[in-house]
Protein backbone atom coordinates (compact mmCIF):
# COMPACT_ATOMS: atom_id res chain seq x y z
CA MET A 1 -14.78 -7.75 -5.05
CA GLU A 2 -11.95 -6.86 -7.41
CA HIS A 3 -13.73 -3.60 -8.23
CA ASP A 4 -13.68 -2.56 -4.57
CA THR A 5 -10.00 -3.38 -4.26
CA LYS A 6 -9.10 -1.21 -7.23
CA ASN A 7 -11.11 1.69 -5.84
CA ILE A 8 -9.08 1.49 -2.66
CA ALA A 9 -5.80 1.37 -4.56
CA THR A 10 -6.47 4.17 -7.01
CA PRO A 11 -6.13 7.22 -4.68
CA LEU A 12 -2.53 6.24 -3.95
CA LEU A 13 -1.32 6.80 -7.46
CA GLU A 14 -3.90 8.42 -9.66
CA SER A 15 -3.46 11.95 -10.84
CA PRO A 16 -5.69 14.35 -8.89
CA SER A 17 -6.81 15.98 -12.11
CA SER A 18 -8.43 14.46 -15.15
CA LYS A 19 -6.95 17.20 -17.38
CA ARG A 20 -3.82 16.44 -19.35
CA ALA A 21 -0.72 18.30 -18.18
CA SER A 22 1.57 20.24 -20.49
CA LYS A 23 5.29 19.58 -20.64
CA LEU A 24 5.98 22.48 -18.28
CA GLN A 25 3.26 21.36 -15.85
CA THR A 26 4.60 17.81 -15.87
CA LEU A 27 8.09 19.17 -15.18
CA GLY A 28 6.74 21.03 -12.16
CA ASN A 29 4.82 17.96 -10.98
CA ILE A 30 7.94 15.79 -11.20
CA ILE A 31 10.00 18.28 -9.19
CA VAL A 32 7.32 18.70 -6.51
CA THR A 33 6.86 14.91 -6.31
CA VAL A 34 10.54 13.98 -6.17
CA VAL A 35 12.13 16.77 -4.12
CA GLY A 36 11.25 16.87 -0.44
CA THR A 37 12.68 17.62 3.00
CA GLY A 38 15.19 14.79 2.57
CA ILE A 39 17.47 17.15 0.66
CA LEU A 40 18.24 18.96 3.93
CA GLY A 41 19.84 15.71 5.18
CA LEU A 42 22.23 15.31 2.24
CA PRO A 43 25.15 17.27 3.75
CA PHE A 44 25.00 14.85 6.70
CA ALA A 45 25.14 11.93 4.24
CA PHE A 46 28.26 13.49 2.70
CA ARG A 47 29.78 13.75 6.16
CA ILE A 48 29.17 10.03 6.73
CA ALA A 49 30.29 8.78 3.31
CA GLY A 50 32.79 11.45 2.24
CA TRP A 51 32.26 14.00 -0.52
CA VAL A 52 33.50 11.82 -3.40
CA ALA A 53 31.56 8.72 -2.30
CA GLY A 54 28.51 10.85 -1.54
CA SER A 55 28.54 12.47 -4.96
CA LEU A 56 28.98 9.15 -6.76
CA GLY A 57 26.28 7.58 -4.59
CA ILE A 58 23.70 10.23 -5.44
CA ALA A 59 24.56 9.95 -9.14
CA VAL A 60 24.15 6.15 -9.08
CA VAL A 61 20.88 6.36 -7.14
CA GLY A 62 19.55 9.01 -9.53
CA VAL A 63 20.34 6.96 -12.65
CA SER A 64 18.97 3.76 -11.08
CA THR A 65 15.75 5.46 -9.99
CA TYR A 66 15.25 6.91 -13.47
CA TYR A 67 15.81 3.49 -15.08
CA CYS A 68 13.36 1.77 -12.74
CA MET A 69 10.70 4.44 -13.32
CA LEU A 70 10.95 3.67 -17.04
CA LEU A 71 10.58 -0.04 -16.26
CA LEU A 72 7.22 0.68 -14.62
CA VAL A 73 6.02 2.61 -17.65
CA MET A 74 7.14 -0.21 -19.99
CA CYS A 75 5.32 -2.78 -17.86
CA ARG A 76 2.12 -0.74 -17.92
CA ASP A 77 2.38 -0.23 -21.69
CA LYS A 78 2.87 -3.96 -22.30
CA LEU A 79 -0.21 -4.83 -20.25
CA ALA A 80 -2.21 -2.15 -22.06
CA SER A 81 -1.23 -3.60 -25.46
CA GLU A 82 -2.14 -7.14 -24.43
CA GLU A 83 -5.46 -6.28 -22.76
CA PRO A 84 -6.62 -2.84 -23.96
CA LEU A 85 -9.87 -3.04 -22.01
CA VAL A 86 -8.16 -3.74 -18.67
CA GLU A 87 -6.23 -0.75 -17.37
CA ALA A 88 -3.21 -0.97 -15.10
CA ARG A 89 -3.26 2.56 -13.74
CA THR A 90 -1.60 2.05 -10.38
CA TYR A 91 1.45 0.41 -8.88
CA GLY A 92 -0.93 -1.98 -7.12
CA ASP A 93 -2.52 -2.91 -10.46
CA LEU A 94 0.89 -3.97 -11.77
CA GLY A 95 1.42 -6.07 -8.66
CA TYR A 96 -1.92 -7.77 -9.23
CA ARG A 97 -1.32 -8.41 -12.94
CA CYS A 98 2.11 -9.91 -12.20
CA PHE A 99 1.47 -11.93 -9.04
CA GLY A 100 -2.27 -11.85 -8.37
CA THR A 101 -3.92 -10.77 -5.14
CA SER A 102 -0.79 -11.33 -3.07
CA GLY A 103 1.19 -9.10 -5.46
CA ARG A 104 -1.32 -6.28 -5.04
CA PHE A 105 -1.35 -6.71 -1.26
CA VAL A 106 2.44 -6.61 -0.89
CA THR A 107 2.81 -3.67 -3.27
CA GLU A 108 0.13 -1.56 -1.61
CA LEU A 109 1.34 -2.51 1.87
CA ILE A 110 4.81 -1.21 1.04
CA ILE A 111 3.31 2.01 -0.38
CA VAL A 112 1.11 2.62 2.68
CA VAL A 113 3.91 1.87 5.16
CA ALA A 114 6.22 4.14 3.16
CA GLN A 115 3.58 6.89 3.34
CA CYS A 116 3.35 6.39 7.11
CA ALA A 117 7.14 6.57 7.37
CA GLY A 118 7.16 9.80 5.37
CA SER A 119 4.53 11.25 7.71
CA VAL A 120 6.61 10.27 10.74
CA ALA A 121 9.65 11.92 9.12
CA TYR A 122 7.62 15.13 8.76
CA LEU A 123 6.80 15.12 12.49
CA VAL A 124 10.42 14.43 13.50
CA PHE A 125 11.65 17.18 11.19
CA ILE A 126 9.16 19.68 12.65
CA GLY A 127 9.96 18.67 16.22
CA GLN A 128 13.73 19.01 15.80
CA ASN A 129 13.47 22.38 14.05
CA ILE A 130 11.06 23.85 16.61
CA ASP A 131 13.40 22.66 19.36
CA SER A 132 16.27 24.41 17.57
CA VAL A 133 14.26 27.64 17.27
CA PHE A 134 13.64 27.72 21.02
CA ASP A 135 17.26 26.63 21.59
CA GLY A 136 16.49 24.21 24.38
CA HIS A 137 14.56 26.78 26.45
CA GLY A 138 11.21 25.23 25.68
CA ALA A 139 9.95 21.67 25.86
CA LYS A 140 11.67 18.56 24.48
CA VAL A 141 11.38 17.42 20.87
CA ASN A 142 8.75 14.80 21.78
CA SER A 143 6.65 17.43 23.51
CA TYR A 144 6.58 19.60 20.39
CA ILE A 145 5.45 16.60 18.35
CA PHE A 146 2.53 15.89 20.70
CA ILE A 147 1.59 19.59 20.85
CA LEU A 148 0.99 19.31 17.10
CA VAL A 149 -1.43 16.37 17.46
CA PRO A 150 -4.66 18.38 18.03
CA VAL A 151 -3.77 20.70 15.13
CA GLU A 152 -3.05 17.81 12.77
CA ILE A 153 -6.23 15.99 13.80
CA GLY A 154 -8.27 19.08 12.98
CA LEU A 155 -6.53 19.50 9.62
CA SER A 156 -7.00 15.81 8.80
CA TRP A 157 -10.75 16.32 9.09
CA ILE A 158 -10.71 18.75 6.15
CA GLY A 159 -12.38 16.87 3.33
CA SER A 160 -10.93 18.76 0.36
CA LEU A 161 -7.28 18.38 -0.56
CA SER A 162 -7.58 21.41 -2.84
CA ALA A 163 -8.10 23.55 0.27
CA LEU A 164 -4.64 22.49 1.45
CA ALA A 165 -2.90 22.95 -1.91
CA PRO A 166 -1.74 26.55 -1.22
CA PHE A 167 0.07 25.34 1.88
CA SER A 168 1.88 22.73 -0.18
CA VAL A 169 3.10 25.51 -2.49
CA PHE A 170 4.10 27.50 0.61
CA ALA A 171 6.17 24.55 1.85
CA ASP A 172 7.90 24.24 -1.53
CA VAL A 173 8.76 27.96 -1.49
CA CYS A 174 10.17 27.59 2.02
CA ASN A 175 12.27 24.64 0.84
CA VAL A 176 13.75 26.73 -1.97
CA LEU A 177 14.41 29.66 0.38
CA ALA A 178 15.99 27.31 2.92
CA MET A 179 18.30 25.86 0.29
CA GLY A 180 19.29 29.34 -0.85
CA ILE A 181 20.03 30.56 2.66
CA VAL A 182 21.91 27.34 3.51
CA VAL A 183 24.10 27.70 0.42
CA LYS A 184 24.77 31.38 1.27
CA GLU A 185 25.73 30.46 4.83
CA ASP A 186 27.79 27.55 3.51
CA ILE A 187 29.86 29.84 1.32
CA GLN A 188 30.35 32.40 4.10
CA GLN A 189 31.28 29.68 6.58
CA ALA A 190 33.74 28.03 4.19
CA LEU A 191 35.41 31.32 3.24
CA GLY A 192 35.54 32.41 6.87
CA ASP A 193 37.27 29.22 8.02
CA GLY A 194 39.72 29.31 5.14
CA PHE A 195 39.54 25.53 4.83
CA SER A 196 41.16 23.40 2.15
CA ILE A 197 39.29 20.64 0.40
CA GLY A 198 41.86 18.23 1.78
CA GLN A 199 40.43 18.85 5.25
CA ARG A 200 37.21 17.12 4.22
CA THR A 201 36.88 13.35 3.94
CA ALA A 202 36.71 12.16 0.34
CA ILE A 203 35.83 8.51 0.96
CA THR A 204 35.06 7.26 4.45
CA SER A 205 37.21 4.57 6.02
CA ASN A 206 34.08 3.31 7.77
CA ILE A 207 32.55 1.08 5.08
CA GLY A 208 29.43 0.68 7.21
CA GLY A 209 28.71 4.36 6.65
CA LEU A 210 28.25 3.98 2.90
CA PRO A 211 24.91 2.11 3.06
CA PHE A 212 23.73 4.67 5.62
CA ALA A 213 24.51 7.54 3.26
CA ALA A 214 23.05 5.64 0.31
CA GLY A 215 19.83 5.13 2.26
CA MET A 216 19.61 8.88 2.77
CA ALA A 217 20.16 9.42 -0.96
CA VAL A 218 17.39 6.96 -1.87
CA PHE A 219 15.06 8.69 0.59
CA CYS A 220 15.68 11.99 -1.23
CA PHE A 221 14.35 10.61 -4.52
CA GLU A 222 10.87 10.22 -3.10
CA GLY A 223 7.58 10.08 -4.96
CA PHE A 224 8.44 6.91 -6.89
CA GLY A 225 4.91 5.59 -6.44
CA MET A 226 3.57 8.52 -8.48
CA THR A 227 5.45 7.46 -11.65
CA LEU A 228 2.47 6.05 -13.52
CA ALA A 229 0.22 8.97 -12.57
CA LEU A 230 2.82 11.49 -13.75
CA GLU A 231 3.32 9.72 -17.08
CA ASN A 232 -0.40 9.20 -17.61
CA SER A 233 -1.20 12.86 -16.90
CA MET A 234 1.08 14.18 -19.67
CA GLN A 235 -0.45 15.41 -22.93
CA ASP A 236 2.30 13.86 -25.09
CA ARG A 237 3.24 10.72 -23.18
CA SER A 238 5.91 9.77 -25.73
CA LYS A 239 8.04 12.69 -24.48
CA PHE A 240 7.89 11.58 -20.84
CA PRO A 241 11.15 9.54 -20.84
CA ILE A 242 13.16 12.47 -22.25
CA LEU A 243 11.54 14.98 -19.90
CA LEU A 244 12.11 12.65 -16.95
CA ALA A 245 15.78 12.21 -17.91
CA GLN A 246 16.30 15.97 -18.17
CA THR A 247 14.53 16.61 -14.86
CA PHE A 248 16.40 13.88 -13.02
CA SER A 249 19.72 15.16 -14.39
CA GLY A 250 18.97 18.59 -12.98
CA ILE A 251 17.71 17.28 -9.63
CA THR A 252 20.72 14.98 -9.24
CA LEU A 253 23.12 17.83 -9.97
CA VAL A 254 21.38 20.09 -7.44
CA TYR A 255 21.49 17.31 -4.83
CA ILE A 256 25.22 16.79 -5.32
CA LEU A 257 26.02 20.51 -5.18
CA PHE A 258 23.81 21.08 -2.13
CA GLY A 259 25.28 18.14 -0.21
CA LEU A 260 28.79 19.19 -1.18
CA CYS A 261 28.29 22.81 -0.11
CA GLY A 262 26.81 21.84 3.23
CA TYR A 263 29.56 19.37 4.10
CA MET A 264 32.37 21.68 2.92
CA ALA A 265 31.02 24.45 5.15
CA PHE A 266 30.47 22.56 8.39
CA GLY A 267 32.66 19.45 8.07
CA GLU A 268 32.37 17.03 10.95
CA GLU A 269 29.98 19.40 12.70
CA THR A 270 27.29 18.87 10.03
CA ARG A 271 23.95 18.02 11.64
CA ASP A 272 21.44 15.47 10.31
CA ILE A 273 19.23 18.43 9.26
CA VAL A 274 21.60 21.06 7.91
CA THR A 275 19.30 23.96 8.90
CA LEU A 276 20.24 23.12 12.50
CA ASN A 277 23.78 24.25 11.66
CA LEU A 278 22.64 27.72 10.64
CA PRO A 279 23.48 30.68 12.90
CA ARG A 280 20.70 32.05 15.05
CA ASN A 281 19.79 35.13 13.01
CA TRP A 282 16.41 36.32 11.81
CA SER A 283 16.68 34.84 8.31
CA SER A 284 17.64 31.37 9.52
CA LEU A 285 14.95 31.32 12.20
CA ALA A 286 12.36 32.57 9.70
CA VAL A 287 13.24 29.76 7.30
CA GLN A 288 13.01 27.13 10.04
CA VAL A 289 9.64 28.46 11.21
CA GLY A 290 8.42 28.66 7.61
CA LEU A 291 9.50 25.09 6.91
CA CYS A 292 7.69 23.88 10.02
CA LEU A 293 4.50 25.79 9.20
CA GLY A 294 4.53 24.51 5.64
CA LEU A 295 4.93 20.92 6.79
CA VAL A 296 2.25 21.30 9.46
CA PHE A 297 -0.28 22.24 6.79
CA THR A 298 0.92 19.69 4.19
CA PHE A 299 1.00 16.83 6.71
CA PRO A 300 -2.71 16.02 6.00
CA ILE A 301 -1.81 15.52 2.33
CA MET A 302 0.65 12.83 3.40
CA LEU A 303 -2.14 11.27 5.48
CA HIS A 304 -4.67 11.23 2.65
CA PRO A 305 -3.65 7.91 1.04
CA ILE A 306 -3.43 6.30 4.48
CA ASN A 307 -6.91 7.49 5.40
CA GLU A 308 -8.28 6.26 2.06
CA ILE A 309 -6.94 2.77 2.73
CA VAL A 310 -8.09 2.67 6.36
CA GLU A 311 -11.56 3.97 5.56
CA GLY A 312 -11.85 1.69 2.56
CA LYS A 313 -11.02 -1.34 4.66
CA LEU A 314 -13.60 -0.27 7.23
CA LYS A 315 -16.15 0.11 4.42
CA ILE A 316 -16.91 3.59 5.66
CA ILE A 317 -16.99 5.31 2.30
CA HIS A 318 -19.13 2.73 0.49
CA ARG A 319 -21.57 1.87 3.25
CA ASN A 320 -22.28 5.31 4.66
CA ASN A 321 -22.65 7.61 1.68
CA ASN A 322 -26.39 7.77 2.39
CA ASP A 323 -26.15 7.40 6.15
CA SER A 324 -28.66 9.88 7.63
CA THR A 325 -27.49 9.21 11.21
CA GLY A 326 -24.02 10.62 10.58
CA LEU A 327 -22.46 7.63 12.30
CA GLY A 328 -20.21 7.04 9.31
CA ASN A 329 -18.69 10.51 9.59
CA ILE A 330 -18.11 10.05 13.31
CA VAL A 331 -16.24 6.79 12.71
CA LYS A 332 -14.27 8.47 9.93
CA TYR A 333 -13.21 11.33 12.19
CA ILE A 334 -12.24 8.92 14.95
CA SER A 335 -10.18 6.77 12.60
CA ARG A 336 -8.32 9.82 11.27
CA ALA A 337 -7.61 11.00 14.81
CA ILE A 338 -6.25 7.57 15.72
CA VAL A 339 -3.96 7.60 12.66
CA VAL A 340 -2.48 10.96 13.73
CA VAL A 341 -1.96 9.82 17.33
CA VAL A 342 -0.31 6.55 16.27
CA LEU A 343 2.08 8.37 13.92
CA ALA A 344 2.94 10.89 16.64
CA VAL A 345 3.72 8.09 19.09
CA LEU A 346 5.95 6.42 16.50
CA ALA A 347 7.70 9.74 15.81
CA SER A 348 8.43 10.16 19.53
CA TYR A 349 10.56 7.02 19.41
CA VAL A 350 12.63 8.13 16.40
CA PRO A 351 16.09 9.19 17.66
CA GLU A 352 17.12 11.47 14.77
CA PHE A 353 15.80 12.56 11.40
CA GLY A 354 18.94 11.39 9.57
CA VAL A 355 18.90 7.91 11.09
CA PHE A 356 15.21 7.46 10.34
CA ALA A 357 15.47 8.84 6.79
CA SER A 358 18.31 6.42 6.03
CA PHE A 359 16.33 3.53 7.50
CA VAL A 360 13.28 4.34 5.35
CA GLY A 361 15.46 4.76 2.27
CA SER A 362 17.27 1.48 2.91
CA THR A 363 14.10 -0.55 3.34
CA LEU A 364 10.82 0.74 1.94
CA CYS A 365 12.24 3.08 -0.70
CA ALA A 366 14.73 0.46 -1.93
CA LEU A 367 11.98 -2.13 -2.29
CA LEU A 368 9.59 0.32 -3.94
CA SER A 369 12.13 1.97 -6.23
CA PHE A 370 14.35 -0.94 -7.30
CA VAL A 371 13.22 -4.41 -6.27
CA LEU A 372 9.57 -4.31 -7.36
CA PRO A 373 10.08 -2.59 -10.76
CA ALA A 374 12.87 -5.01 -11.75
CA THR A 375 10.78 -7.98 -10.58
CA PHE A 376 7.71 -6.85 -12.54
CA HIS A 377 9.79 -6.23 -15.67
CA LEU A 378 11.42 -9.67 -15.54
CA LYS A 379 8.06 -11.32 -14.87
CA LEU A 380 6.15 -9.60 -17.70
CA PHE A 381 8.79 -9.59 -20.43
CA GLY A 382 10.63 -12.80 -19.50
CA SER A 383 12.33 -14.52 -22.41
CA SER A 384 11.67 -11.63 -24.81
CA LEU A 385 14.30 -9.52 -23.06
CA PRO A 386 17.85 -9.42 -24.48
CA ILE A 387 20.58 -10.91 -22.31
CA TRP A 388 22.02 -7.54 -21.37
CA GLN A 389 18.69 -6.24 -20.05
CA LYS A 390 17.96 -9.45 -18.16
CA SER A 391 21.36 -9.11 -16.55
CA LEU A 392 20.80 -5.44 -15.77
CA ASP A 393 17.38 -6.10 -14.23
CA SER A 394 18.83 -8.95 -12.18
CA ILE A 395 21.67 -6.75 -10.94
CA VAL A 396 19.18 -4.02 -9.93
CA LEU A 397 16.97 -6.62 -8.21
CA PHE A 398 19.70 -8.33 -6.19
CA CYS A 399 21.56 -5.11 -5.41
CA GLY A 400 18.28 -3.63 -4.17
CA LEU A 401 17.66 -6.62 -1.91
CA PHE A 402 21.24 -6.65 -0.63
CA PHE A 403 21.17 -2.92 -0.05
CA ALA A 404 17.86 -3.18 1.83
CA VAL A 405 19.19 -5.89 4.16
CA TYR A 406 22.71 -4.53 4.68
CA GLY A 407 21.65 -0.90 4.84
CA THR A 408 18.96 -1.67 7.38
CA TYR A 409 21.42 -3.57 9.54
CA ASN A 410 23.91 -0.71 9.53
CA THR A 411 21.22 1.83 10.30
CA ILE A 412 19.98 -0.17 13.27
CA VAL A 413 23.35 -0.97 14.80
CA GLY A 414 24.61 2.56 14.11
CA VAL A 415 27.27 3.93 11.85
């Protein structure tokens, strides 16, 4: 029974390739895993929190995320040294080794729900950008989301993730182009308005806005669940902490500069997706369309772990490998279609990308990135930890819990 459970958990976190990655390949994998569409919401977070508070918030979140990723690696290494024949390859494995079956269940539930939330965010992002492209002359945002459903169902039926890999690269290229064009427009807008930095809020007087902005920042450092797979895939695993520190330093700096540029350019007019602030010229529209197309084709990749869990629970994969009637495939296709429809319905109830991204960051991402790693580390190392590290882990744990509760409250009631 335990063997089946591990098979279900593995696709969530295991590296898709059995080959060891070089330092440069691991660098690229970290960037692709961590950086996502959430970066386009950072200028809005700066508008809510102020540019000083926003910058400090991103820096704190970046350092905290890096520290907690190292905690996961240390926990896995300790378990490997104690029981060399029993691998802890996934986040769910760590949950099981620390707290048994309930630990695995809670850990994997959070990962799956987070994956669903990320998929919903994709749909909301696409819907809002398509609506912006048509400038209100077409259907409503919800209509665009449901128009995508048949396309996404068809793409979800593709069995090979490798067939979708080029589209993932395409989406990443569009993200880079979007950031470049946004920064260019930011500079032109700022110079054209002749603003002074004093015209922009440094630290918000609305304290309730800080958790909202922090939730957006946490959402931007996505891909936390891939930590163990990234570290395990590297040829020289001893260099992973240094490489991760260097990469996170660069990503954090880019996040701060991008959020700062966007807010300085548009001020209180900054939208929750900064591309919606761009003027309606060919380059801006091309970037928005490109982003949407890239996300349309990478959406099935987001669905893959969800489908693995659903199909595993239904025993489709194990029971119907030799099914000559084809009934297993029919059930699989139906289940994947249902997943897409359910996510589209959920996306239709999401008011704005920024609000939803902050909510996900405040709850699921905070639990996954801070609370669970600190809890596992305290559980496994216990009395062997020095006082300072016990205190640090406890601070991360309780701050993560407080942030999750308070941030969620502020997101729900509104900033």
